[in-house]
Amino acid sequence: MISSGCCHFLTVLLSHDLCRSVLLGGRR
């Protein structure tokens, strides 16, 4: 249960980072 929560948290962070990267790249 805790492991799953941690994994989900990391996934969200990575997804947000990727989204930000794409937005910044598209703006350029």
PDB file of N, CA and C in Angstrom:
ATOM      1  N   MET A   1       0.842  -1.193   0.000  1.00  0.00           N
ATOM      2  CA  MET A   1       0.000   0.000   0.000  1.00  0.00           C
ATOM      3  C   MET A   1       0.888   1.258   0.000  1.00  0.00           C
ATOM      4  N   ILE A   2       1.821   1.322   0.938  1.00  0.00           N
ATOM      5  CA  ILE A   2       2.714   2.486   1.009  1.00  0.00           C
ATOM      6  C   ILE A   2       3.559   2.567  -0.260  1.00  0.00           C
ATOM      7  N   SER A   3       4.034   1.410  -0.708  1.00  0.00           N
ATOM      8  CA  SER A   3       4.879   1.374  -1.918  1.00  0.00           C
ATOM      9  C   SER A   3       4.085   1.922  -3.102  1.00  0.00           C
ATOM     10  N   SER A   4       2.840   1.485  -3.217  1.00  0.00           N
ATOM     11  CA  SER A   4       1.999   1.929  -4.338  1.00  0.00           C
ATOM     12  C   SER A   4       1.809   3.444  -4.280  1.00  0.00           C
ATOM     13  N   GLY A   5       1.581   3.964  -3.086  1.00  0.00           N
ATOM     14  CA  GLY A   5       1.384   5.405  -2.934  1.00  0.00           C
ATOM     15  C   GLY A   5       2.635   6.167  -3.350  1.00  0.00           C
ATOM     16  N   CYS A   6       3.791   5.651  -2.933  1.00  0.00           N
ATOM     17  CA  CYS A   6       5.057   6.310  -3.278  1.00  0.00           C
ATOM     18  C   CYS A   6       5.248   6.281  -4.795  1.00  0.00           C
ATOM     19  N   CYS A   7       4.961   5.156  -5.390  1.00  0.00           N
ATOM     20  CA  CYS A   7       5.127   5.009  -6.843  1.00  0.00           C
ATOM     21  C   CYS A   7       4.222   6.015  -7.556  1.00  0.00           C
ATOM     22  N   HIS A   8       2.983   6.123  -7.101  1.00  0.00           N
ATOM     23  CA  HIS A   8       2.022   7.036  -7.719  1.00  0.00           C
ATOM     24  C   HIS A   8       2.514   8.476  -7.586  1.00  0.00           C
ATOM     25  N   PHE A   9       3.058   8.798  -6.408  1.00  0.00           N
ATOM     26  CA  PHE A   9       3.554  10.153  -6.152  1.00  0.00           C
ATOM     27  C   PHE A   9       4.678  10.493  -7.122  1.00  0.00           C
ATOM     28  N   LEU A  10       5.602   9.538  -7.296  1.00  0.00           N
ATOM     29  CA  LEU A  10       6.739   9.755  -8.203  1.00  0.00           C
ATOM     30  C   LEU A  10       6.235   9.930  -9.634  1.00  0.00           C
ATOM     31  N   THR A  11       5.249   9.115  -9.999  1.00  0.00           N
ATOM     32  CA  THR A  11       4.709   9.180 -11.363  1.00  0.00           C
ATOM     33  C   THR A  11       4.108  10.562 -11.622  1.00  0.00           C
ATOM     34  N   VAL A  12       3.388  11.069 -10.631  1.00  0.00           N
ATOM     35  CA  VAL A  12       2.758  12.389 -10.772  1.00  0.00           C
ATOM     36  C   VAL A  12       3.829  13.463 -10.958  1.00  0.00           C
ATOM     37  N   LEU A  13       4.896  13.354 -10.160  1.00  0.00           N
ATOM     38  CA  LEU A  13       5.976  14.345 -10.254  1.00  0.00           C
ATOM     39  C   LEU A  13       6.609  14.297 -11.634  1.00  0.00           C
ATOM     40  N   LEU A  14       6.869  13.080 -12.111  1.00  0.00           N
ATOM     41  CA  LEU A  14       7.505  12.923 -13.421  1.00  0.00           C
ATOM     42  C   LEU A  14       6.591  13.471 -14.513  1.00  0.00           C
ATOM     43  N   SER A  15       5.307  13.153 -14.411  1.00  0.00           N
ATOM     44  CA  SER A  15       4.342  13.606 -15.418  1.00  0.00           C
ATOM     45  C   SER A  15       4.308  15.136 -15.445  1.00  0.00           C
ATOM     46  N   HIS A  16       4.302  15.735 -14.254  1.00  0.00           N
ATOM     47  CA  HIS A  16       4.258  17.196 -14.169  1.00  0.00           C
ATOM     48  C   HIS A  16       5.519  17.783 -14.793  1.00  0.00           C
ATOM     49  N   ASP A  17       6.652  17.142 -14.506  1.00  0.00           N
ATOM     50  CA  ASP A  17       7.928  17.633 -15.040  1.00  0.00           C
ATOM     51  C   ASP A  17       7.916  17.541 -16.567  1.00  0.00           C
ATOM     52  N   LEU A  18       7.398  16.436 -17.088  1.00  0.00           N
ATOM     53  CA  LEU A  18       7.354  16.250 -18.543  1.00  0.00           C
ATOM     54  C   LEU A  18       6.428  17.291 -19.159  1.00  0.00           C
ATOM     55  N   CYS A  19       5.290  17.512 -18.513  1.00  0.00           N
ATOM     56  CA  CYS A  19       4.313  18.487 -19.017  1.00  0.00           C
ATOM     57  C   CYS A  19       4.964  19.865 -19.079  1.00  0.00           C
ATOM     58  N   ARG A  20       5.683  20.205 -18.026  1.00  0.00           N
ATOM     59  CA  ARG A  20       6.341  21.507 -17.975  1.00  0.00           C
ATOM     60  C   ARG A  20       7.376  21.616 -19.085  1.00  0.00           C
ATOM     61  N   SER A  21       8.112  20.541 -19.278  1.00  0.00           N
ATOM     62  CA  SER A  21       9.167  20.537 -20.302  1.00  0.00           C
ATOM     63  C   SER A  21       8.538  20.764 -21.682  1.00  0.00           C
ATOM     64  N   VAL A  22       7.439  20.080 -21.931  1.00  0.00           N
ATOM     65  CA  VAL A  22       6.766  20.190 -23.230  1.00  0.00           C
ATOM     66  C   VAL A  22       6.237  21.614 -23.426  1.00  0.00           C
ATOM     67  N   LEU A  23       5.628  22.159 -22.374  1.00  0.00           N
ATOM     68  CA  LEU A  23       5.079  23.514 -22.467  1.00  0.00           C
ATOM     69  C   LEU A  23       6.189  24.522 -22.739  1.00  0.00           C
ATOM     70  N   LEU A  24       7.289  24.387 -22.009  1.00  0.00           N
ATOM     71  CA  LEU A  24       8.417  25.313 -22.194  1.00  0.00           C
ATOM     72  C   LEU A  24       8.988  25.157 -23.594  1.00  0.00           C
ATOM     73  N   GLY A  25       9.122  23.904 -24.033  1.00  0.00           N
ATOM     74  CA  GLY A  25       9.686  23.652 -25.360  1.00  0.00           C
ATOM     75  C   GLY A  25       8.765  24.202 -26.449  1.00  0.00           C
ATOM     76  N   GLY A  26       7.455  24.048 -26.265  1.00  0.00           N
ATOM     77  CA  GLY A  26       6.503  24.529 -27.265  1.00  0.00           C
ATOM     78  C   GLY A  26       6.505  26.050 -27.324  1.00  0.00           C
ATOM     79  N   ARG A  27       6.713  26.677 -26.178  1.00  0.00           N
ATOM     80  CA  ARG A  27       6.696  28.143 -26.132  1.00  0.00           C
ATOM     81  C   ARG A  27       7.892  28.701 -26.891  1.00  0.00           C
ATOM     82  N   ARG A  28       9.001  27.978 -26.833  1.00  0.00           N
ATOM     83  CA  ARG A  28      10.225  28.490 -27.475  1.00  0.00           C
ATOM     84  C   ARG A  28       9.968  28.617 -28.944  1.00  0.00           C
TER      85      ARG A  28
END
